[in-house]
Amino acid sequence: MIDVKKVRDYGNFYYLTFYFPYKDGYFVCQKDLLVEGTLEEFEKLFEDKLERMV
């Protein structure tokens, strides 16, 4: 969680941005493919970094 810079919520997916020096500076997480936990639990983990784009 500490390496995540920002999480953007685009409705159907989350766009995670990481701090440097990660090789891939971003990651796309499709909401309907999450199999452990709930969306509410996921958003609670990143509540201070979550940005709603829709």
C-alpha atoms as a PDB file:
ATOM      1  CA  MET A   1       0.000   0.000   0.000  1.00  0.00           C
ATOM      2  CA  ILE A   2       2.832   2.380   0.779  1.00  0.00           C
ATOM      3  CA  ASP A   3       4.217   2.135  -2.771  1.00  0.00           C
ATOM      4  CA  VAL A   4       0.919   3.258  -4.324  1.00  0.00           C
ATOM      5  CA  LYS A   5       0.936   6.946  -5.201  1.00  0.00           C
ATOM      6  CA  LYS A   6      -2.619   7.358  -6.462  1.00  0.00           C
ATOM      7  CA  VAL A   7      -5.727   5.259  -7.214  1.00  0.00           C
ATOM      8  CA  ARG A   8      -8.200   6.585  -9.775  1.00  0.00           C
ATOM      9  CA  ASP A   9     -11.700   5.124  -9.960  1.00  0.00           C
ATOM     10  CA  TYR A  10     -13.042   5.148 -13.533  1.00  0.00           C
ATOM     11  CA  GLY A  11     -16.272   3.260 -12.801  1.00  0.00           C
ATOM     12  CA  ASN A  12     -15.450  -0.187 -14.220  1.00  0.00           C
ATOM     13  CA  PHE A  13     -11.790  -0.214 -13.216  1.00  0.00           C
ATOM     14  CA  TYR A  14      -9.144   1.306 -10.974  1.00  0.00           C
ATOM     15  CA  TYR A  15      -5.959   2.870 -12.323  1.00  0.00           C
ATOM     16  CA  LEU A  16      -3.141   2.570  -9.785  1.00  0.00           C
ATOM     17  CA  THR A  17      -0.025   4.730 -10.071  1.00  0.00           C
ATOM     18  CA  PHE A  18       3.140   3.781  -8.191  1.00  0.00           C
ATOM     19  CA  TYR A  19       6.076   5.787  -6.904  1.00  0.00           C
ATOM     20  CA  PHE A  20       9.413   5.690  -8.741  1.00  0.00           C
ATOM     21  CA  PRO A  21      11.535   3.436  -9.260  1.00  0.00           C
ATOM     22  CA  TYR A  22       8.992   0.827 -10.362  1.00  0.00           C
ATOM     23  CA  LYS A  23       9.504  -0.372 -13.907  1.00  0.00           C
ATOM     24  CA  ASP A  24       5.763  -0.288 -14.623  1.00  0.00           C
ATOM     25  CA  GLY A  25       4.543   2.935 -13.102  1.00  0.00           C
ATOM     26  CA  TYR A  26       0.869   2.003 -13.330  1.00  0.00           C
ATOM     27  CA  PHE A  27      -1.554  -0.914 -13.068  1.00  0.00           C
ATOM     28  CA  VAL A  28      -5.166  -1.345 -14.229  1.00  0.00           C
ATOM     29  CA  CYS A  29      -7.456  -3.347 -11.941  1.00  0.00           C
ATOM     30  CA  GLN A  30     -10.839  -4.342 -13.424  1.00  0.00           C
ATOM     31  CA  LYS A  31     -13.496  -4.256 -10.687  1.00  0.00           C
ATOM     32  CA  ASP A  32     -15.520  -7.276 -11.784  1.00  0.00           C
ATOM     33  CA  LEU A  33     -12.393  -9.473 -11.704  1.00  0.00           C
ATOM     34  CA  LEU A  34     -11.713  -8.928  -7.993  1.00  0.00           C
ATOM     35  CA  VAL A  35     -12.275 -12.280  -6.292  1.00  0.00           C
ATOM     36  CA  GLU A  36     -11.168 -11.693  -2.686  1.00  0.00           C
ATOM     37  CA  GLY A  37     -12.904  -9.181  -0.483  1.00  0.00           C
ATOM     38  CA  THR A  38     -15.286  -6.439  -1.575  1.00  0.00           C
ATOM     39  CA  LEU A  39     -14.931  -3.175  -3.456  1.00  0.00           C
ATOM     40  CA  GLU A  40     -15.623  -1.356  -0.188  1.00  0.00           C
ATOM     41  CA  GLU A  41     -12.674  -3.121   1.482  1.00  0.00           C
ATOM     42  CA  PHE A  42     -10.433  -2.310  -1.495  1.00  0.00           C
ATOM     43  CA  GLU A  43     -11.407   1.367  -1.380  1.00  0.00           C
ATOM     44  CA  LYS A  44     -10.885   1.455   2.396  1.00  0.00           C
ATOM     45  CA  LEU A  45      -7.246   0.366   1.860  1.00  0.00           C
ATOM     46  CA  PHE A  46      -6.635   3.351  -0.410  1.00  0.00           C
ATOM     47  CA  GLU A  47      -9.126   5.881   0.986  1.00  0.00           C
ATOM     48  CA  ASP A  48      -6.497   8.624   1.309  1.00  0.00           C
ATOM     49  CA  LYS A  49      -5.243   8.037  -2.269  1.00  0.00           C
ATOM     50  CA  LEU A  50      -8.566   7.380  -4.032  1.00  0.00           C
ATOM     51  CA  GLU A  51      -9.718   9.824  -6.700  1.00  0.00           C
ATOM     52  CA  ARG A  52     -13.110   9.306  -8.373  1.00  0.00           C
ATOM     53  CA  MET A  53     -13.001  10.169 -12.067  1.00  0.00           C
ATOM     54  CA  VAL A  54     -16.637   9.394 -12.983  1.00  0.00           C
END
